PDB file of N, CA and C in Angstrom:
ATOM      1  N   MET A   1     -71.852  43.573  17.580  1.00  0.00           N
ATOM      2  CA  MET A   1     -71.139  44.106  16.441  1.00  0.00           C
ATOM      3  C   MET A   1     -71.946  45.252  15.841  1.00  0.00           C
ATOM      4  N   SER A   2     -71.252  46.335  15.535  1.00  0.00           N
ATOM      5  CA  SER A   2     -71.864  47.506  14.918  1.00  0.00           C
ATOM      6  C   SER A   2     -71.736  47.389  13.407  1.00  0.00           C
ATOM      7  N   PRO A   3     -72.831  47.525  12.664  1.00  0.00           N
ATOM      8  CA  PRO A   3     -72.741  47.390  11.212  1.00  0.00           C
ATOM      9  C   PRO A   3     -71.878  48.491  10.608  1.00  0.00           C
ATOM     10  N   LEU A   4     -71.295  48.189   9.459  1.00  0.00           N
ATOM     11  CA  LEU A   4     -70.465  49.148   8.748  1.00  0.00           C
ATOM     12  C   LEU A   4     -71.345  49.975   7.826  1.00  0.00           C
ATOM     13  N   ASN A   5     -71.229  51.288   7.944  1.00  0.00           N
ATOM     14  CA  ASN A   5     -71.938  52.199   7.051  1.00  0.00           C
ATOM     15  C   ASN A   5     -70.907  53.037   6.321  1.00  0.00           C
ATOM     16  N   LEU A   6     -71.093  53.174   5.009  1.00  0.00           N
ATOM     17  CA  LEU A   6     -70.150  53.902   4.176  1.00  0.00           C
ATOM     18  C   LEU A   6     -70.877  54.984   3.397  1.00  0.00           C
ATOM     19  N   LYS A   7     -70.257  56.139   3.312  1.00  0.00           N
ATOM     20  CA  LYS A   7     -70.819  57.247   2.543  1.00  0.00           C
ATOM     21  C   LYS A   7     -69.692  57.858   1.728  1.00  0.00           C
ATOM     22  N   SER A   8     -69.881  57.939   0.414  1.00  0.00           N
ATOM     23  CA  SER A   8     -68.881  58.524  -0.470  1.00  0.00           C
ATOM     24  C   SER A   8     -69.279  59.939  -0.849  1.00  0.00           C
ATOM     25  N   GLN A   9     -68.305  60.829  -0.820  1.00  0.00           N
ATOM     26  CA  GLN A   9     -68.524  62.214  -1.220  1.00  0.00           C
ATOM     27  C   GLN A   9     -67.431  62.591  -2.212  1.00  0.00           C
ATOM     28  N   PRO A  10     -67.797  62.875  -3.467  1.00  0.00           N
ATOM     29  CA  PRO A  10     -66.779  63.284  -4.438  1.00  0.00           C
ATOM     30  C   PRO A  10     -66.137  64.609  -4.028  1.00  0.00           C
ATOM     31  N   LEU A  11     -64.845  64.719  -4.267  1.00  0.00           N
ATOM     32  CA  LEU A  11     -64.096  65.955  -4.067  1.00  0.00           C
ATOM     33  C   LEU A  11     -63.793  66.536  -5.448  1.00  0.00           C
ATOM     34  N   PRO A  12     -63.301  67.776  -5.535  1.00  0.00           N
ATOM     35  CA  PRO A  12     -62.928  68.307  -6.851  1.00  0.00           C
ATOM     36  C   PRO A  12     -61.989  67.366  -7.602  1.00  0.00           C
ATOM     37  N   ALA A  13     -61.161  66.655  -6.868  1.00  0.00           N
ATOM     38  CA  ALA A  13     -60.343  65.576  -7.431  1.00  0.00           C
ATOM     39  C   ALA A  13     -60.201  64.556  -6.313  1.00  0.00           C
ATOM     40  N   GLY A  14     -60.747  63.392  -6.495  1.00  0.00           N
ATOM     41  CA  GLY A  14     -60.659  62.363  -5.468  1.00  0.00           C
ATOM     42  C   GLY A  14     -61.985  62.130  -4.784  1.00  0.00           C
ATOM     43  N   VAL A  15     -61.910  61.490  -3.612  1.00  0.00           N
ATOM     44  CA  VAL A  15     -63.138  61.120  -2.914  1.00  0.00           C
ATOM     45  C   VAL A  15     -62.890  61.081  -1.404  1.00  0.00           C
ATOM     46  N   LEU A  16     -63.930  61.437  -0.664  1.00  0.00           N
ATOM     47  CA  LEU A  16     -63.957  61.285   0.790  1.00  0.00           C
ATOM     48  C   LEU A  16     -64.928  60.159   1.090  1.00  0.00           C
ATOM     49  N   ILE A  17     -64.471  59.154   1.810  1.00  0.00           N
ATOM     50  CA  ILE A  17     -65.341  58.061   2.223  1.00  0.00           C
ATOM     51  C   ILE A  17     -65.433  58.086   3.744  1.00  0.00           C
ATOM     52  N   THR A  18     -66.653  58.267   4.238  1.00  0.00           N
ATOM     53  CA  THR A  18     -66.904  58.275   5.674  1.00  0.00           C
ATOM     54  C   THR A  18     -67.255  56.860   6.103  1.00  0.00           C
ATOM     55  N   VAL A  19     -66.510  56.350   7.066  1.00  0.00           N
ATOM     56  CA  VAL A  19     -66.665  54.978   7.543  1.00  0.00           C
ATOM     57  C   VAL A  19     -67.205  55.034   8.969  1.00  0.00           C
ATOM     58  N   THR A  20     -68.393  54.466   9.168  1.00  0.00           N
ATOM     59  CA  THR A  20     -69.022  54.460  10.486  1.00  0.00           C
ATOM     60  C   THR A  20     -69.277  53.020  10.910  1.00  0.00           C
ATOM     61  N   GLY A  21     -68.938  52.703  12.156  1.00  0.00           N
ATOM     62  CA  GLY A  21     -69.150  51.353  12.677  1.00  0.00           C
ATOM     63  C   GLY A  21     -67.832  50.636  12.863  1.00  0.00           C
ATOM     64  N   GLU A  22     -67.866  49.330  12.705  1.00  0.00           N
ATOM     65  CA  GLU A  22     -66.701  48.485  12.936  1.00  0.00           C
ATOM     66  C   GLU A  22     -66.144  47.947  11.626  1.00  0.00           C
ATOM     67  N   ILE A  23     -64.822  47.982  11.490  1.00  0.00           N
ATOM     68  CA  ILE A  23     -64.141  47.385  10.339  1.00  0.00           C
ATOM     69  C   ILE A  23     -63.518  46.088  10.835  1.00  0.00           C
ATOM     70  N   ASP A  24     -64.021  44.965  10.304  1.00  0.00           N
ATOM     71  CA  ASP A  24     -63.500  43.668  10.741  1.00  0.00           C
ATOM     72  C   ASP A  24     -63.576  42.669   9.600  1.00  0.00           C
ATOM     73  N   LYS A  25     -63.268  41.417   9.918  1.00  0.00           N
ATOM     74  CA  LYS A  25     -63.189  40.381   8.887  1.00  0.00           C
ATOM     75  C   LYS A  25     -64.496  40.186   8.137  1.00  0.00           C
ATOM     76  N   THR A  26     -65.616  40.604   8.726  1.00  0.00           N
ATOM     77  CA  THR A  26     -66.906  40.393   8.065  1.00  0.00           C
ATOM     78  C   THR A  26     -67.220  41.451   7.019  1.00  0.00           C
ATOM     79  N   ASN A  27     -66.475  42.566   6.999  1.00  0.00           N
ATOM     80  CA  ASN A  27     -66.872  43.632   6.082  1.00  0.00           C
ATOM     81  C   ASN A  27     -65.724  44.360   5.384  1.00  0.00           C
ATOM     82  N   THR A  28     -64.488  43.898   5.541  1.00  0.00           N
ATOM     83  CA  THR A  28     -63.400  44.585   4.846  1.00  0.00           C
ATOM     84  C   THR A  28     -63.561  44.497   3.335  1.00  0.00           C
ATOM     85  N   GLU A  29     -64.129  43.404   2.859  1.00  0.00           N
ATOM     86  CA  GLU A  29     -64.369  43.276   1.420  1.00  0.00           C
ATOM     87  C   GLU A  29     -65.378  44.326   0.952  1.00  0.00           C
ATOM     88  N   GLN A  30     -66.407  44.565   1.755  1.00  0.00           N
ATOM     89  CA  GLN A  30     -67.400  45.594   1.434  1.00  0.00           C
ATOM     90  C   GLN A  30     -66.731  46.971   1.349  1.00  0.00           C
ATOM     91  N   LEU A  31     -65.868  47.276   2.296  1.00  0.00           N
ATOM     92  CA  LEU A  31     -65.164  48.557   2.293  1.00  0.00           C
ATOM     93  C   LEU A  31     -64.247  48.668   1.085  1.00  0.00           C
ATOM     94  N   GLU A  32     -63.512  47.614   0.796  1.00  0.00           N
ATOM     95  CA  GLU A  32     -62.606  47.634  -0.355  1.00  0.00           C
ATOM     96  C   GLU A  32     -63.379  47.801  -1.659  1.00  0.00           C
ATOM     97  N   THR A  33     -64.531  47.148  -1.768  1.00  0.00           N
ATOM     98  CA  THR A  33     -65.372  47.292  -2.962  1.00  0.00           C
ATOM     99  C   THR A  33     -65.847  48.730  -3.112  1.00  0.00           C
ATOM    100  N   GLN A  34     -66.315  49.329  -2.018  1.00  0.00           N
ATOM    101  CA  GLN A  34     -66.791  50.717  -2.065  1.00  0.00           C
ATOM    102  C   GLN A  34     -65.673  51.667  -2.480  1.00  0.00           C
ATOM    103  N   ILE A  35     -64.493  51.452  -1.947  1.00  0.00           N
ATOM    104  CA  ILE A  35     -63.353  52.287  -2.325  1.00  0.00           C
ATOM    105  C   ILE A  35     -63.045  52.109  -3.806  1.00  0.00           C
ATOM    106  N   GLY A  36     -63.067  50.864  -4.274  1.00  0.00           N
ATOM    107  CA  GLY A  36     -62.816  50.598  -5.688  1.00  0.00           C
ATOM    108  C   GLY A  36     -63.822  51.256  -6.607  1.00  0.00           C
ATOM    109  N   LEU A  37     -65.075  51.306  -6.185  1.00  0.00           N
ATOM    110  CA  LEU A  37     -66.124  51.937  -6.992  1.00  0.00           C
ATOM    111  C   LEU A  37     -66.036  53.461  -6.962  1.00  0.00           C
ATOM    112  N   SER A  38     -65.554  54.010  -5.865  1.00  0.00           N
ATOM    113  CA  SER A  38     -65.575  55.463  -5.665  1.00  0.00           C
ATOM    114  C   SER A  38     -64.282  56.172  -6.043  1.00  0.00           C
ATOM    115  N   HIS A  39     -63.167  55.483  -5.914  1.00  0.00           N
ATOM    116  CA  HIS A  39     -61.864  56.135  -6.073  1.00  0.00           C
ATOM    117  C   HIS A  39     -61.305  55.930  -7.472  1.00  0.00           C
ATOM    118  N   ARG A  40     -60.820  57.019  -8.063  1.00  0.00           N
ATOM    119  CA  ARG A  40     -60.179  56.948  -9.375  1.00  0.00           C
ATOM    120  C   ARG A  40     -58.663  56.905  -9.219  1.00  0.00           C
ATOM    121  N   HIS A  41     -58.034  56.147 -10.092  1.00  0.00           N
ATOM    122  CA  HIS A  41     -56.574  56.012 -10.104  1.00  0.00           C
ATOM    123  C   HIS A  41     -55.921  57.399 -10.178  1.00  0.00           C
ATOM    124  N   GLY A  42     -54.903  57.623  -9.352  1.00  0.00           N
ATOM    125  CA  GLY A  42     -54.145  58.864  -9.412  1.00  0.00           C
ATOM    126  C   GLY A  42     -54.793  60.048  -8.731  1.00  0.00           C
ATOM    127  N   GLN A  43     -55.863  59.807  -7.983  1.00  0.00           N
ATOM    128  CA  GLN A  43     -56.525  60.904  -7.284  1.00  0.00           C
ATOM    129  C   GLN A  43     -56.481  60.671  -5.776  1.00  0.00           C
ATOM    130  N   PRO A  44     -56.611  61.750  -5.001  1.00  0.00           N
ATOM    131  CA  PRO A  44     -56.555  61.622  -3.546  1.00  0.00           C
ATOM    132  C   PRO A  44     -57.682  60.763  -2.981  1.00  0.00           C
ATOM    133  N   LEU A  45     -57.376  60.098  -1.876  1.00  0.00           N
ATOM    134  CA  LEU A  45     -58.363  59.306  -1.146  1.00  0.00           C
ATOM    135  C   LEU A  45     -58.307  59.705   0.320  1.00  0.00           C
ATOM    136  N   VAL A  46     -59.467  60.100   0.846  1.00  0.00           N
ATOM    137  CA  VAL A  46     -59.591  60.466   2.253  1.00  0.00           C
ATOM    138  C   VAL A  46     -60.584  59.510   2.899  1.00  0.00           C
ATOM    139  N   LEU A  47     -60.180  58.892   3.996  1.00  0.00           N
ATOM    140  CA  LEU A  47     -61.085  58.066   4.790  1.00  0.00           C
ATOM    141  C   LEU A  47     -61.354  58.788   6.104  1.00  0.00           C
ATOM    142  N   ASP A  48     -62.617  59.122   6.333  1.00  0.00           N
ATOM    143  CA  ASP A  48     -63.038  59.736   7.589  1.00  0.00           C
ATOM    144  C   ASP A  48     -63.382  58.604   8.550  1.00  0.00           C
ATOM    145  N   LEU A  49     -62.539  58.418   9.554  1.00  0.00           N
ATOM    146  CA  LEU A  49     -62.730  57.334  10.516  1.00  0.00           C
ATOM    147  C   LEU A  49     -63.296  57.839  11.843  1.00  0.00           C
ATOM    148  N   SER A  50     -63.867  59.035  11.842  1.00  0.00           N
ATOM    149  CA  SER A  50     -64.385  59.613  13.090  1.00  0.00           C
ATOM    150  C   SER A  50     -65.482  58.759  13.710  1.00  0.00           C
ATOM    151  N   GLY A  51     -66.217  58.028  12.897  1.00  0.00           N
ATOM    152  CA  GLY A  51     -67.287  57.179  13.408  1.00  0.00           C
ATOM    153  C   GLY A  51     -66.922  55.709  13.469  1.00  0.00           C
ATOM    154  N   THR A  52     -65.645  55.403  13.264  1.00  0.00           N
ATOM    155  CA  THR A  52     -65.183  54.017  13.301  1.00  0.00           C
ATOM    156  C   THR A  52     -64.835  53.653  14.741  1.00  0.00           C
ATOM    157  N   THR A  53     -65.576  52.695  15.280  1.00  0.00           N
ATOM    158  CA  THR A  53     -65.422  52.338  16.691  1.00  0.00           C
ATOM    159  C   THR A  53     -64.492  51.153  16.926  1.00  0.00           C
ATOM    160  N   PHE A  54     -64.203  50.385  15.876  1.00  0.00           N
ATOM    161  CA  PHE A  54     -63.366  49.195  16.029  1.00  0.00           C
ATOM    162  C   PHE A  54     -62.733  48.877  14.691  1.00  0.00           C
ATOM    163  N   MET A  55     -61.491  48.350  14.725  1.00  0.00           N
ATOM    164  CA  MET A  55     -60.840  47.863  13.517  1.00  0.00           C
ATOM    165  C   MET A  55     -59.941  46.707  13.918  1.00  0.00           C
ATOM    166  N   ASP A  56     -60.072  45.581  13.213  1.00  0.00           N
ATOM    167  CA  ASP A  56     -59.210  44.440  13.506  1.00  0.00           C
ATOM    168  C   ASP A  56     -58.052  44.404  12.513  1.00  0.00           C
ATOM    169  N   SER A  57     -57.276  43.324  12.553  1.00  0.00           N
ATOM    170  CA  SER A  57     -56.082  43.221  11.714  1.00  0.00           C
ATOM    171  C   SER A  57     -56.414  43.217  10.226  1.00  0.00           C
ATOM    172  N   ARG A  58     -57.573  42.723   9.849  1.00  0.00           N
ATOM    173  CA  ARG A  58     -57.939  42.747   8.422  1.00  0.00           C
ATOM    174  C   ARG A  58     -58.204  44.166   7.951  1.00  0.00           C
ATOM    175  N   GLY A  59     -58.805  44.966   8.810  1.00  0.00           N
ATOM    176  CA  GLY A  59     -59.003  46.373   8.478  1.00  0.00           C
ATOM    177  C   GLY A  59     -57.676  47.094   8.330  1.00  0.00           C
ATOM    178  N   LEU A  60     -56.752  46.815   9.244  1.00  0.00           N
ATOM    179  CA  LEU A  60     -55.424  47.416   9.165  1.00  0.00           C
ATOM    180  C   LEU A  60     -54.707  46.957   7.901  1.00  0.00           C
ATOM    181  N   HIS A  61     -54.828  45.691   7.574  1.00  0.00           N
ATOM    182  CA  HIS A  61     -54.204  45.168   6.353  1.00  0.00           C
ATOM    183  C   HIS A  61     -54.760  45.876   5.122  1.00  0.00           C
ATOM    184  N   LEU A  62     -56.053  46.140   5.099  1.00  0.00           N
ATOM    185  CA  LEU A  62     -56.659  46.872   3.985  1.00  0.00           C
ATOM    186  C   LEU A  62     -56.055  48.273   3.888  1.00  0.00           C
ATOM    187  N   LEU A  63     -55.914  48.967   5.006  1.00  0.00           N
ATOM    188  CA  LEU A  63     -55.311  50.303   4.983  1.00  0.00           C
ATOM    189  C   LEU A  63     -53.876  50.251   4.462  1.00  0.00           C
ATOM    190  N   LEU A  64     -53.131  49.225   4.849  1.00  0.00           N
ATOM    191  CA  LEU A  64     -51.754  49.084   4.375  1.00  0.00           C
ATOM    192  C   LEU A  64     -51.711  48.828   2.872  1.00  0.00           C
ATOM    193  N   ARG A  65     -52.630  48.018   2.363  1.00  0.00           N
ATOM    194  CA  ARG A  65     -52.697  47.773   0.913  1.00  0.00           C
ATOM    195  C   ARG A  65     -53.063  49.052   0.168  1.00  0.00           C
ATOM    196  N   LEU A  66     -54.027  49.800   0.695  1.00  0.00           N
ATOM    197  CA  LEU A  66     -54.407  51.073   0.072  1.00  0.00           C
ATOM    198  C   LEU A  66     -53.226  52.038   0.066  1.00  0.00           C
ATOM    199  N   HIS A  67     -52.523  52.101   1.176  1.00  0.00           N
ATOM    200  CA  HIS A  67     -51.347  52.970   1.279  1.00  0.00           C
ATOM    201  C   HIS A  67     -50.327  52.602   0.196  1.00  0.00           C
ATOM    202  N   ALA A  68     -50.025  51.322   0.056  1.00  0.00           N
ATOM    203  CA  ALA A  68     -49.048  50.871  -0.938  1.00  0.00           C
ATOM    204  C   ALA A  68     -49.515  51.201  -2.351  1.00  0.00           C
ATOM    205  N   ARG A  69     -50.783  50.969  -2.631  1.00  0.00           N
ATOM    206  CA  ARG A  69     -51.344  51.242  -3.955  1.00  0.00           C
ATOM    207  C   ARG A  69     -51.250  52.734  -4.285  1.00  0.00           C
ATOM    208  N   LEU A  70     -51.583  53.575  -3.330  1.00  0.00           N
ATOM    209  CA  LEU A  70     -51.531  55.016  -3.561  1.00  0.00           C
ATOM    210  C   LEU A  70     -50.090  55.513  -3.677  1.00  0.00           C
ATOM    211  N   CYS A  71     -49.172  54.930  -2.922  1.00  0.00           N
ATOM    212  CA  CYS A  71     -47.758  55.309  -3.044  1.00  0.00           C
ATOM    213  C   CYS A  71     -47.237  55.033  -4.452  1.00  0.00           C
ATOM    214  N   GLU A  72     -47.688  53.938  -5.059  1.00  0.00           N
ATOM    215  CA  GLU A  72     -47.301  53.622  -6.435  1.00  0.00           C
ATOM    216  C   GLU A  72     -47.777  54.694  -7.405  1.00  0.00           C
ATOM    217  N   GLN A  73     -48.831  55.420  -7.038  1.00  0.00           N
ATOM    218  CA  GLN A  73     -49.391  56.486  -7.871  1.00  0.00           C
ATOM    219  C   GLN A  73     -48.876  57.862  -7.432  1.00  0.00           C
ATOM    220  N   ALA A  74     -47.875  57.880  -6.546  1.00  0.00           N
ATOM    221  CA  ALA A  74     -47.333  59.117  -5.973  1.00  0.00           C
ATOM    222  C   ALA A  74     -48.403  59.898  -5.222  1.00  0.00           C
ATOM    223  N   MET A  75     -49.277  59.182  -4.544  1.00  0.00           N
ATOM    224  CA  MET A  75     -50.348  59.787  -3.753  1.00  0.00           C
ATOM    225  C   MET A  75     -50.247  59.262  -2.326  1.00  0.00           C
ATOM    226  N   SER A  76     -51.050  59.846  -1.442  1.00  0.00           N
ATOM    227  CA  SER A  76     -51.090  59.407  -0.048  1.00  0.00           C
ATOM    228  C   SER A  76     -52.503  59.022   0.341  1.00  0.00           C
ATOM    229  N   LEU A  77     -52.593  58.121   1.290  1.00  0.00           N
ATOM    230  CA  LEU A  77     -53.872  57.807   1.916  1.00  0.00           C
ATOM    231  C   LEU A  77     -54.020  58.760   3.089  1.00  0.00           C
ATOM    232  N   HIS A  78     -55.071  59.557   3.073  1.00  0.00           N
ATOM    233  CA  HIS A  78     -55.318  60.526   4.135  1.00  0.00           C
ATOM    234  C   HIS A  78     -56.411  59.985   5.049  1.00  0.00           C
ATOM    235  N   LEU A  79     -56.097  59.898   6.334  1.00  0.00           N
ATOM    236  CA  LEU A  79     -57.046  59.421   7.333  1.00  0.00           C
ATOM    237  C   LEU A  79     -57.454  60.590   8.215  1.00  0.00           C
ATOM    238  N   ALA A  80     -58.744  60.668   8.513  1.00  0.00           N
ATOM    239  CA  ALA A  80     -59.258  61.760   9.340  1.00  0.00           C
ATOM    240  C   ALA A  80     -59.847  61.226  10.631  1.00  0.00           C
ATOM    241  N   ALA A  81     -59.564  61.935  11.716  1.00  0.00           N
ATOM    242  CA  ALA A  81     -60.203  61.708  13.019  1.00  0.00           C
ATOM    243  C   ALA A  81     -60.101  60.256  13.489  1.00  0.00           C
ATOM    244  N   VAL A  82     -58.893  59.718  13.434  1.00  0.00           N
ATOM    245  CA  VAL A  82     -58.668  58.348  13.898  1.00  0.00           C
ATOM    246  C   VAL A  82     -58.577  58.369  15.424  1.00  0.00           C
ATOM    247  N   HIS A  83     -59.407  57.583  16.079  1.00  0.00           N
ATOM    248  CA  HIS A  83     -59.387  57.526  17.536  1.00  0.00           C
ATOM    249  C   HIS A  83     -59.758  56.118  17.996  1.00  0.00           C
ATOM    250  N   SER A  84     -59.805  55.922  19.274  1.00  0.00           N
ATOM    251  CA  SER A  84     -60.265  54.679  19.877  1.00  0.00           C
ATOM    252  C   SER A  84     -59.419  53.492  19.432  1.00  0.00           C
ATOM    253  N   THR A  85     -60.087  52.391  19.181  1.00  0.00           N
ATOM    254  CA  THR A  85     -59.405  51.145  18.826  1.00  0.00           C
ATOM    255  C   THR A  85     -58.574  51.266  17.550  1.00  0.00           C
ATOM    256  N   PRO A  86     -59.070  51.893  16.477  1.00  0.00           N
ATOM    257  CA  PRO A  86     -58.224  52.005  15.279  1.00  0.00           C
ATOM    258  C   PRO A  86     -56.898  52.725  15.553  1.00  0.00           C
ATOM    259  N   ALA A  87     -56.934  53.807  16.319  1.00  0.00           N
ATOM    260  CA  ALA A  87     -55.702  54.544  16.629  1.00  0.00           C
ATOM    261  C   ALA A  87     -54.752  53.684  17.454  1.00  0.00           C
ATOM    262  N   ARG A  88     -55.297  52.971  18.412  1.00  0.00           N
ATOM    263  CA  ARG A  88     -54.469  52.108  19.265  1.00  0.00           C
ATOM    264  C   ARG A  88     -53.841  50.985  18.447  1.00  0.00           C
ATOM    265  N   LEU A  89     -54.609  50.370  17.560  1.00  0.00           N
ATOM    266  CA  LEU A  89     -54.093  49.294  16.715  1.00  0.00           C
ATOM    267  C   LEU A  89     -52.942  49.801  15.848  1.00  0.00           C
ATOM    268  N   MET A  90     -53.108  50.966  15.249  1.00  0.00           N
ATOM    269  CA  MET A  90     -52.049  51.524  14.406  1.00  0.00           C
ATOM    270  C   MET A  90     -50.809  51.860  15.231  1.00  0.00           C
ATOM    271  N   SER A  91     -51.007  52.364  16.429  1.00  0.00           N
ATOM    272  CA  SER A  91     -49.883  52.720  17.295  1.00  0.00           C
ATOM    273  C   SER A  91     -49.127  51.480  17.770  1.00  0.00           C
ATOM    274  N   ILE A  92     -49.850  50.475  18.233  1.00  0.00           N
ATOM    275  CA  ILE A  92     -49.226  49.249  18.746  1.00  0.00           C
ATOM    276  C   ILE A  92     -48.418  48.539  17.664  1.00  0.00           C
ATOM    277  N   THR A  93     -48.934  48.545  16.444  1.00  0.00           N
ATOM    278  CA  THR A  93     -48.258  47.851  15.347  1.00  0.00           C
ATOM    279  C   THR A  93     -47.181  48.710  14.693  1.00  0.00           C
ATOM    280  N   GLY A  94     -47.099  49.982  15.081  1.00  0.00           N
ATOM    281  CA  GLY A  94     -46.048  50.853  14.575  1.00  0.00           C
ATOM    282  C   GLY A  94     -46.263  51.373  13.171  1.00  0.00           C
ATOM    283  N   VAL A  95     -47.483  51.321  12.676  1.00  0.00           N
ATOM    284  CA  VAL A  95     -47.737  51.790  11.311  1.00  0.00           C
ATOM    285  C   VAL A  95     -48.383  53.170  11.274  1.00  0.00           C
ATOM    286  N   ASP A  96     -48.621  53.754  12.430  1.00  0.00           N
ATOM    287  CA  ASP A  96     -49.312  55.043  12.453  1.00  0.00           C
ATOM    288  C   ASP A  96     -48.540  56.134  11.718  1.00  0.00           C
ATOM    289  N   ASP A  97     -47.212  56.025  11.644  1.00  0.00           N
ATOM    290  CA  ASP A  97     -46.420  57.020  10.927  1.00  0.00           C
ATOM    291  C   ASP A  97     -46.459  56.846   9.410  1.00  0.00           C
ATOM    292  N   LEU A  98     -46.976  55.730   8.933  1.00  0.00           N
ATOM    293  CA  LEU A  98     -47.079  55.517   7.487  1.00  0.00           C
ATOM    294  C   LEU A  98     -48.168  56.370   6.850  1.00  0.00           C
ATOM    295  N   PHE A  99     -49.190  56.658   7.616  1.00  0.00           N
ATOM    296  CA  PHE A  99     -50.366  57.328   7.071  1.00  0.00           C
ATOM    297  C   PHE A  99     -50.334  58.825   7.340  1.00  0.00           C
ATOM    298  N   ALA A 100     -50.944  59.579   6.442  1.00  0.00           N
ATOM    299  CA  ALA A 100     -51.176  61.003   6.672  1.00  0.00           C
ATOM    300  C   ALA A 100     -52.447  61.093   7.509  1.00  0.00           C
ATOM    301  N   VAL A 101     -52.286  61.352   8.812  1.00  0.00           N
ATOM    302  CA  VAL A 101     -53.420  61.385   9.734  1.00  0.00           C
ATOM    303  C   VAL A 101     -53.715  62.838  10.095  1.00  0.00           C
ATOM    304  N   HIS A 102     -54.984  63.208  10.010  1.00  0.00           N
ATOM    305  CA  HIS A 102     -55.419  64.580  10.239  1.00  0.00           C
ATOM    306  C   HIS A 102     -56.490  64.598  11.326  1.00  0.00           C
ATOM    307  N   PRO A 103     -56.588  65.706  12.061  1.00  0.00           N
ATOM    308  CA  PRO A 103     -57.542  65.757  13.173  1.00  0.00           C
ATOM    309  C   PRO A 103     -59.003  65.791  12.746  1.00  0.00           C
ATOM    310  N   THR A 104     -59.275  66.318  11.558  1.00  0.00           N
ATOM    311  CA  THR A 104     -60.659  66.452  11.094  1.00  0.00           C
ATOM    312  C   THR A 104     -60.767  66.055   9.629  1.00  0.00           C
ATOM    313  N   PRO A 105     -61.976  65.708   9.176  1.00  0.00           N
ATOM    314  CA  PRO A 105     -62.168  65.444   7.748  1.00  0.00           C
ATOM    315  C   PRO A 105     -61.816  66.653   6.885  1.00  0.00           C
ATOM    316  N   ALA A 106     -62.145  67.857   7.346  1.00  0.00           N
ATOM    317  CA  ALA A 106     -61.836  69.066   6.566  1.00  0.00           C
ATOM    318  C   ALA A 106     -60.329  69.229   6.377  1.00  0.00           C
ATOM    319  N   ALA A 107     -59.558  68.987   7.429  1.00  0.00           N
ATOM    320  CA  ALA A 107     -58.098  69.088   7.327  1.00  0.00           C
ATOM    321  C   ALA A 107     -57.544  68.022   6.388  1.00  0.00           C
ATOM    322  N   ALA A 108     -58.095  66.826   6.448  1.00  0.00           N
ATOM    323  CA  ALA A 108     -57.649  65.743   5.565  1.00  0.00           C
ATOM    324  C   ALA A 108     -57.973  66.057   4.112  1.00  0.00           C
ATOM    325  N   MET A 109     -59.174  66.579   3.859  1.00  0.00           N
ATOM    326  CA  MET A 109     -59.556  66.929   2.487  1.00  0.00           C
ATOM    327  C   MET A 109     -58.659  68.034   1.944  1.00  0.00           C
ATOM    328  N   ALA A 110     -58.387  69.050   2.753  1.00  0.00           N
ATOM    329  CA  ALA A 110     -57.527  70.148   2.306  1.00  0.00           C
ATOM    330  C   ALA A 110     -56.130  69.637   1.963  1.00  0.00           C
ATOM    331  N   ALA A 111     -55.581  68.772   2.800  1.00  0.00           N
ATOM    332  CA  ALA A 111     -54.248  68.219   2.547  1.00  0.00           C
ATOM    333  C   ALA A 111     -54.237  67.349   1.295  1.00  0.00           C
ATOM    334  N   ALA A 112     -55.270  66.539   1.126  1.00  0.00           N
ATOM    335  CA  ALA A 112     -55.346  65.662  -0.047  1.00  0.00           C
ATOM    336  C   ALA A 112     -55.459  66.476  -1.328  1.00  0.00           C
ATOM    337  N   LEU A 113     -56.283  67.494  -1.319  1.00  0.00           N
ATOM    338  CA  LEU A 113     -56.453  68.329  -2.509  1.00  0.00           C
ATOM    339  C   LEU A 113     -55.185  69.119  -2.799  1.00  0.00           C
ATOM    340  N   SER A 114     -54.533  69.616  -1.760  1.00  0.00           N
ATOM    341  CA  SER A 114     -53.282  70.347  -1.940  1.00  0.00           C
ATOM    342  C   SER A 114     -52.218  69.438  -2.552  1.00  0.00           C
ATOM    343  N   GLU A 115     -52.183  68.198  -2.097  1.00  0.00           N
ATOM    344  CA  GLU A 115     -51.245  67.219  -2.638  1.00  0.00           C
ATOM    345  C   GLU A 115     -51.477  67.029  -4.135  1.00  0.00           C
ATOM    346  N   HIS A 116     -52.710  67.149  -4.540  1.00  0.00           N
ATOM    347  CA  HIS A 116     -53.077  66.953  -5.946  1.00  0.00           C
ATOM    348  C   HIS A 116     -53.032  68.274  -6.724  1.00  0.00           C
ATOM    349  N   GLY A 117     -52.603  69.357  -6.064  1.00  0.00           N
ATOM    350  CA  GLY A 117     -52.486  70.640  -6.750  1.00  0.00           C
ATOM    351  C   GLY A 117     -53.784  71.394  -6.881  1.00  0.00           C
ATOM    352  N   ILE A 118     -54.712  71.176  -5.953  1.00  0.00           N
ATOM    353  CA  ILE A 118     -56.009  71.845  -6.016  1.00  0.00           C
ATOM    354  C   ILE A 118     -56.228  72.595  -4.715  1.00  0.00           C
ATOM    355  N   ARG A 119     -56.605  73.857  -4.834  1.00  0.00           N
ATOM    356  CA  ARG A 119     -56.941  74.666  -3.659  1.00  0.00           C
ATOM    357  C   ARG A 119     -58.292  75.304  -3.905  1.00  0.00           C
ATOM    358  N   ASN A 120     -59.141  75.240  -2.900  1.00  0.00           N
ATOM    359  CA  ASN A 120     -60.478  75.844  -2.978  1.00  0.00           C
ATOM    360  C   ASN A 120     -61.255  75.370  -4.197  1.00  0.00           C
ATOM    361  N   GLY A 121     -61.063  74.096  -4.550  1.00  0.00           N
ATOM    362  CA  GLY A 121     -61.833  73.516  -5.640  1.00  0.00           C
ATOM    363  C   GLY A 121     -61.327  73.844  -7.024  1.00  0.00           C
ATOM    364  N   GLU A 122     -60.184  74.562  -7.134  1.00  0.00           N
ATOM    365  CA  GLU A 122     -59.654  74.932  -8.439  1.00  0.00           C
ATOM    366  C   GLU A 122     -58.213  74.465  -8.566  1.00  0.00           C
ATOM    367  N   ALA A 123     -57.844  74.055  -9.778  1.00  0.00           N
ATOM    368  CA  ALA A 123     -56.472  73.612 -10.023  1.00  0.00           C
ATOM    369  C   ALA A 123     -55.521  74.786  -9.891  1.00  0.00           C
ATOM    370  N   GLU A 124     -54.319  74.483  -9.380  1.00  0.00           N
ATOM    371  CA  GLU A 124     -53.308  75.535  -9.235  1.00  0.00           C
ATOM    372  C   GLU A 124     -52.674  75.834 -10.572  1.00  0.00           C
TER     373      GLU A 124
END
């Protein structure tokens, strides 16, 4: 098992959380806690999954809960660089179309900030 490493980076509005390692039943609570500490209500949330090598059903359930919570705030959950097992899990379960998935963290951040009315670090 690969340990979960999390890194939060504040955005002009919102947060980018880089997730490295495996998301499974042993650490989804840790990830949810980190998101809760880093993310403010009504602001964009970007998860960089480029370093995520595995995700089980609990990890997927967490993403679905985050998606629902953000939809209630008229926001989207932006996922960056989803590949390997996480991408396959989302595809097999048919939920991959629910998420705003971007090829890179930079593309995800730009989309999230644009959604919030911010371009180049300044409000529109």
